[in-house]
Amino acid sequence: MSDPNIEGKILLALQALQNDPKLKLRRAAEIYKVGRMILWRRQKGIQSRSDWVPTSRKLSDLEEQIIVQFILDLDSRGFPPRLRGVEEMANRLLADRNASPVGKR
């Protein structure tokens, strides 16, 4: 997500536009000091790029958290996390939901 201060200004500008039908987008952008095109895109329902999840992403947030816990568990026991072990863990998680494995194709 982008800077929370800017996000807050964008939300305030959108709320002002919604509450005051006479307020123009350009004027709201000037008042709240946000980009006019950013405000226009958000008004049209287009997500910010930092909030967008790429379609090429293989693991969900929960699966990534499981892998992080696996790595931290290995580290706490004194074992260095090896790339091969992390890859195998990711592939096991993906196999549970019949998804293609990570790594080289």
N, C-alpha and C. Protein backbone atom coordinates (compact mmCIF):
# COMPACT_ATOMS: atom_id res chain seq x y z
N MET A 1 0.84 -1.17 0.00
CA MET A 1 0.00 0.00 0.00
C MET A 1 0.89 1.24 0.00
N SER A 2 0.42 2.31 -0.63
CA SER A 2 1.22 3.52 -0.69
C SER A 2 1.15 4.26 0.64
N ASP A 3 1.75 5.43 0.69
CA ASP A 3 1.84 6.24 1.90
C ASP A 3 0.45 6.43 2.52
N PRO A 4 0.28 6.08 3.80
CA PRO A 4 -1.03 6.21 4.44
C PRO A 4 -1.55 7.64 4.46
N ASN A 5 -0.64 8.61 4.52
CA ASN A 5 -1.05 10.01 4.51
C ASN A 5 -1.73 10.36 3.18
N ILE A 6 -1.15 9.91 2.08
CA ILE A 6 -1.73 10.17 0.76
C ILE A 6 -3.04 9.41 0.60
N GLU A 7 -3.06 8.15 1.09
CA GLU A 7 -4.28 7.35 1.02
C GLU A 7 -5.41 8.05 1.77
N GLY A 8 -5.09 8.61 2.92
CA GLY A 8 -6.09 9.33 3.71
C GLY A 8 -6.62 10.54 2.97
N LYS A 9 -5.71 11.28 2.32
CA LYS A 9 -6.13 12.45 1.54
C LYS A 9 -7.03 12.04 0.38
N ILE A 10 -6.69 10.93 -0.26
CA ILE A 10 -7.51 10.44 -1.38
C ILE A 10 -8.90 10.07 -0.89
N LEU A 11 -8.96 9.37 0.24
CA LEU A 11 -10.27 8.99 0.79
C LEU A 11 -11.09 10.20 1.19
N LEU A 12 -10.44 11.21 1.77
CA LEU A 12 -11.15 12.44 2.12
C LEU A 12 -11.68 13.15 0.88
N ALA A 13 -10.86 13.20 -0.16
CA ALA A 13 -11.28 13.84 -1.41
C ALA A 13 -12.45 13.09 -2.03
N LEU A 14 -12.40 11.77 -2.02
CA LEU A 14 -13.51 10.98 -2.57
C LEU A 14 -14.79 11.18 -1.77
N GLN A 15 -14.64 11.26 -0.46
CA GLN A 15 -15.81 11.50 0.39
C GLN A 15 -16.39 12.89 0.13
N ALA A 16 -15.53 13.88 -0.05
CA ALA A 16 -15.99 15.23 -0.35
C ALA A 16 -16.72 15.27 -1.69
N LEU A 17 -16.19 14.55 -2.68
CA LEU A 17 -16.85 14.49 -3.98
C LEU A 17 -18.22 13.83 -3.88
N GLN A 18 -18.32 12.83 -3.03
CA GLN A 18 -19.59 12.13 -2.87
C GLN A 18 -20.61 12.99 -2.13
N ASN A 19 -20.15 13.75 -1.14
CA ASN A 19 -21.05 14.57 -0.33
C ASN A 19 -21.47 15.86 -1.01
N ASP A 20 -20.64 16.39 -1.88
CA ASP A 20 -20.94 17.66 -2.56
C ASP A 20 -20.99 17.44 -4.07
N PRO A 21 -22.19 17.30 -4.63
CA PRO A 21 -22.30 17.04 -6.07
C PRO A 21 -21.78 18.19 -6.94
N LYS A 22 -21.67 19.40 -6.39
CA LYS A 22 -21.18 20.53 -7.17
C LYS A 22 -19.65 20.59 -7.23
N LEU A 23 -18.99 19.87 -6.33
CA LEU A 23 -17.53 19.87 -6.28
C LEU A 23 -16.97 19.09 -7.47
N LYS A 24 -16.11 19.74 -8.21
CA LYS A 24 -15.48 19.10 -9.37
C LYS A 24 -14.23 18.34 -8.94
N LEU A 25 -13.90 17.33 -9.71
CA LEU A 25 -12.76 16.47 -9.40
C LEU A 25 -11.46 17.27 -9.36
N ARG A 26 -11.28 18.15 -10.31
CA ARG A 26 -10.05 18.95 -10.35
C ARG A 26 -9.91 19.81 -9.10
N ARG A 27 -11.01 20.39 -8.66
CA ARG A 27 -10.99 21.25 -7.46
C ARG A 27 -10.71 20.41 -6.21
N ALA A 28 -11.31 19.23 -6.12
CA ALA A 28 -11.07 18.35 -4.97
C ALA A 28 -9.60 17.93 -4.92
N ALA A 29 -9.02 17.67 -6.08
CA ALA A 29 -7.60 17.29 -6.14
C ALA A 29 -6.72 18.44 -5.65
N GLU A 30 -7.08 19.66 -6.01
CA GLU A 30 -6.32 20.83 -5.55
C GLU A 30 -6.46 21.02 -4.04
N ILE A 31 -7.69 20.91 -3.54
CA ILE A 31 -7.95 21.13 -2.11
C ILE A 31 -7.18 20.12 -1.26
N TYR A 32 -7.24 18.86 -1.65
CA TYR A 32 -6.63 17.79 -0.84
C TYR A 32 -5.20 17.45 -1.26
N LYS A 33 -4.69 18.19 -2.24
CA LYS A 33 -3.30 18.02 -2.70
C LYS A 33 -2.98 16.58 -3.09
N VAL A 34 -3.82 16.04 -3.97
CA VAL A 34 -3.59 14.70 -4.54
C VAL A 34 -3.65 14.83 -6.05
N GLY A 35 -3.08 13.87 -6.73
CA GLY A 35 -3.08 13.88 -8.18
C GLY A 35 -4.49 13.73 -8.75
N ARG A 36 -4.78 14.51 -9.77
CA ARG A 36 -6.10 14.48 -10.38
C ARG A 36 -6.40 13.13 -11.01
N MET A 37 -5.41 12.55 -11.69
CA MET A 37 -5.63 11.25 -12.34
C MET A 37 -5.76 10.13 -11.32
N ILE A 38 -5.01 10.22 -10.23
CA ILE A 38 -5.14 9.22 -9.16
C ILE A 38 -6.55 9.27 -8.60
N LEU A 39 -7.03 10.46 -8.34
CA LEU A 39 -8.38 10.64 -7.80
C LEU A 39 -9.42 10.15 -8.79
N TRP A 40 -9.22 10.43 -10.06
CA TRP A 40 -10.16 9.99 -11.10
C TRP A 40 -10.22 8.46 -11.16
N ARG A 41 -9.03 7.82 -11.12
CA ARG A 41 -8.98 6.35 -11.18
C ARG A 41 -9.67 5.73 -9.97
N ARG A 42 -9.42 6.29 -8.80
CA ARG A 42 -10.04 5.74 -7.59
C ARG A 42 -11.55 5.94 -7.63
N GLN A 43 -11.98 7.06 -8.18
CA GLN A 43 -13.42 7.32 -8.29
C GLN A 43 -14.07 6.31 -9.22
N LYS A 44 -13.34 5.85 -10.22
CA LYS A 44 -13.84 4.85 -11.17
C LYS A 44 -13.71 3.43 -10.61
N GLY A 45 -13.12 3.28 -9.42
CA GLY A 45 -13.01 1.97 -8.79
C GLY A 45 -11.75 1.21 -9.14
N ILE A 46 -10.77 1.87 -9.75
CA ILE A 46 -9.51 1.21 -10.11
C ILE A 46 -8.59 1.23 -8.90
N GLN A 47 -8.09 0.05 -8.51
CA GLN A 47 -7.21 -0.06 -7.34
C GLN A 47 -5.87 0.60 -7.60
N SER A 48 -5.23 1.00 -6.50
CA SER A 48 -3.86 1.49 -6.64
C SER A 48 -2.96 0.31 -6.96
N ARG A 49 -1.88 0.57 -7.63
CA ARG A 49 -0.99 -0.51 -8.06
C ARG A 49 -0.41 -1.29 -6.88
N SER A 50 -0.18 -0.60 -5.77
CA SER A 50 0.38 -1.28 -4.61
C SER A 50 -0.62 -2.21 -3.93
N ASP A 51 -1.92 -2.00 -4.16
CA ASP A 51 -2.95 -2.87 -3.59
C ASP A 51 -3.32 -4.02 -4.51
N TRP A 52 -2.80 -4.01 -5.71
CA TRP A 52 -3.15 -5.00 -6.72
C TRP A 52 -2.31 -6.25 -6.54
N VAL A 53 -2.94 -7.42 -6.58
CA VAL A 53 -2.22 -8.69 -6.44
C VAL A 53 -1.97 -9.24 -7.84
N PRO A 54 -0.71 -9.49 -8.22
CA PRO A 54 -0.42 -9.99 -9.56
C PRO A 54 -1.04 -11.36 -9.81
N THR A 55 -1.45 -11.61 -11.03
CA THR A 55 -2.05 -12.89 -11.38
C THR A 55 -1.01 -14.00 -11.41
N SER A 56 0.25 -13.65 -11.53
CA SER A 56 1.31 -14.66 -11.58
C SER A 56 1.72 -15.15 -10.19
N ARG A 57 1.13 -14.58 -9.16
CA ARG A 57 1.47 -14.97 -7.79
C ARG A 57 0.94 -16.37 -7.51
N LYS A 58 1.80 -17.23 -7.03
CA LYS A 58 1.43 -18.64 -6.81
C LYS A 58 0.85 -18.88 -5.43
N LEU A 59 1.45 -18.29 -4.41
CA LEU A 59 1.06 -18.58 -3.03
C LEU A 59 0.14 -17.51 -2.47
N SER A 60 -0.81 -17.94 -1.66
CA SER A 60 -1.69 -16.99 -0.98
C SER A 60 -0.95 -16.39 0.22
N ASP A 61 -1.55 -15.38 0.84
CA ASP A 61 -0.94 -14.77 2.02
C ASP A 61 -0.76 -15.80 3.13
N LEU A 62 -1.77 -16.64 3.32
CA LEU A 62 -1.70 -17.66 4.37
C LEU A 62 -0.57 -18.65 4.09
N GLU A 63 -0.44 -19.07 2.84
CA GLU A 63 0.63 -20.01 2.48
C GLU A 63 2.01 -19.38 2.68
N GLU A 64 2.13 -18.10 2.35
CA GLU A 64 3.40 -17.42 2.58
C GLU A 64 3.72 -17.34 4.06
N GLN A 65 2.70 -17.09 4.88
CA GLN A 65 2.92 -17.04 6.34
C GLN A 65 3.35 -18.40 6.87
N ILE A 66 2.79 -19.47 6.32
CA ILE A 66 3.18 -20.82 6.74
C ILE A 66 4.65 -21.07 6.41
N ILE A 67 5.07 -20.64 5.24
CA ILE A 67 6.48 -20.83 4.85
C ILE A 67 7.40 -20.00 5.74
N VAL A 68 6.99 -18.78 6.06
CA VAL A 68 7.81 -17.94 6.95
C VAL A 68 7.93 -18.61 8.32
N GLN A 69 6.83 -19.16 8.83
CA GLN A 69 6.87 -19.87 10.11
C GLN A 69 7.80 -21.08 10.03
N PHE A 70 7.77 -21.78 8.90
CA PHE A 70 8.64 -22.94 8.67
C PHE A 70 10.11 -22.50 8.73
N ILE A 71 10.43 -21.40 8.07
CA ILE A 71 11.80 -20.89 8.06
C ILE A 71 12.22 -20.46 9.46
N LEU A 72 11.34 -19.75 10.17
CA LEU A 72 11.67 -19.31 11.53
C LEU A 72 11.84 -20.50 12.47
N ASP A 73 11.03 -21.54 12.27
CA ASP A 73 11.15 -22.76 13.09
C ASP A 73 12.51 -23.43 12.84
N LEU A 74 12.89 -23.53 11.58
CA LEU A 74 14.21 -24.09 11.26
C LEU A 74 15.32 -23.29 11.92
N ASP A 75 15.22 -21.97 11.82
CA ASP A 75 16.24 -21.08 12.37
C ASP A 75 16.32 -21.21 13.89
N SER A 76 15.16 -21.31 14.54
CA SER A 76 15.17 -21.42 16.00
C SER A 76 15.80 -22.73 16.48
N ARG A 77 15.77 -23.75 15.62
CA ARG A 77 16.39 -25.03 15.97
C ARG A 77 17.86 -25.10 15.53
N GLY A 78 18.35 -24.02 14.93
CA GLY A 78 19.75 -23.96 14.55
C GLY A 78 20.06 -24.48 13.16
N PHE A 79 19.03 -24.70 12.35
CA PHE A 79 19.23 -25.16 10.98
C PHE A 79 19.06 -23.99 10.02
N PRO A 80 20.01 -23.79 9.13
CA PRO A 80 19.83 -22.71 8.15
C PRO A 80 18.77 -23.11 7.12
N PRO A 81 17.88 -22.19 6.78
CA PRO A 81 16.89 -22.52 5.76
C PRO A 81 17.55 -22.60 4.39
N ARG A 82 17.44 -23.72 3.75
CA ARG A 82 18.02 -23.93 2.42
C ARG A 82 16.95 -23.67 1.37
N LEU A 83 17.37 -23.17 0.24
CA LEU A 83 16.45 -22.86 -0.85
C LEU A 83 15.65 -24.10 -1.25
N ARG A 84 16.32 -25.21 -1.32
CA ARG A 84 15.66 -26.46 -1.72
C ARG A 84 14.53 -26.84 -0.74
N GLY A 85 14.80 -26.69 0.55
CA GLY A 85 13.80 -27.02 1.57
C GLY A 85 12.59 -26.11 1.51
N VAL A 86 12.84 -24.82 1.30
CA VAL A 86 11.75 -23.85 1.20
C VAL A 86 10.94 -24.12 -0.06
N GLU A 87 11.62 -24.45 -1.15
CA GLU A 87 10.94 -24.76 -2.40
C GLU A 87 10.06 -26.01 -2.24
N GLU A 88 10.59 -27.03 -1.56
CA GLU A 88 9.81 -28.25 -1.32
C GLU A 88 8.57 -27.95 -0.48
N MET A 89 8.72 -27.10 0.52
CA MET A 89 7.58 -26.73 1.37
C MET A 89 6.52 -26.01 0.54
N ALA A 90 6.95 -25.08 -0.30
CA ALA A 90 6.01 -24.36 -1.16
C ALA A 90 5.31 -25.32 -2.12
N ASN A 91 6.06 -26.25 -2.68
CA ASN A 91 5.46 -27.22 -3.61
C ASN A 91 4.48 -28.15 -2.90
N ARG A 92 4.75 -28.50 -1.64
CA ARG A 92 3.79 -29.32 -0.87
C ARG A 92 2.49 -28.56 -0.66
N LEU A 93 2.61 -27.28 -0.33
CA LEU A 93 1.41 -26.46 -0.13
C LEU A 93 0.62 -26.33 -1.43
N LEU A 94 1.34 -26.14 -2.54
CA LEU A 94 0.66 -26.01 -3.83
C LEU A 94 0.05 -27.33 -4.28
N ALA A 95 0.70 -28.44 -3.95
CA ALA A 95 0.17 -29.76 -4.33
C ALA A 95 -1.14 -30.05 -3.61
N ASP A 96 -1.31 -29.51 -2.40
CA ASP A 96 -2.55 -29.72 -1.65
C ASP A 96 -3.76 -29.14 -2.37
N ARG A 97 -3.53 -28.11 -3.17
CA ARG A 97 -4.65 -27.53 -3.92
C ARG A 97 -4.49 -27.72 -5.44
N ASN A 98 -3.68 -28.71 -5.81
CA ASN A 98 -3.48 -29.10 -7.22
C ASN A 98 -3.02 -27.94 -8.10
N ALA A 99 -2.12 -27.12 -7.58
CA ALA A 99 -1.54 -26.02 -8.37
C ALA A 99 -0.18 -26.45 -8.89
N SER A 100 0.28 -25.77 -9.93
CA SER A 100 1.58 -26.11 -10.51
C SER A 100 2.70 -25.71 -9.54
N PRO A 101 3.81 -26.44 -9.55
CA PRO A 101 4.90 -26.18 -8.60
C PRO A 101 5.66 -24.89 -8.93
N VAL A 102 6.40 -24.42 -7.93
CA VAL A 102 7.23 -23.23 -8.13
C VAL A 102 8.55 -23.66 -8.77
N GLY A 103 9.33 -22.70 -9.18
CA GLY A 103 10.65 -23.00 -9.74
C GLY A 103 10.64 -23.02 -11.25
N LYS A 104 11.68 -23.63 -11.81
CA LYS A 104 11.83 -23.67 -13.26
C LYS A 104 10.72 -24.50 -13.89
N ARG A 105 10.34 -24.09 -15.09
CA ARG A 105 9.23 -24.78 -15.77
C ARG A 105 9.73 -25.81 -16.71
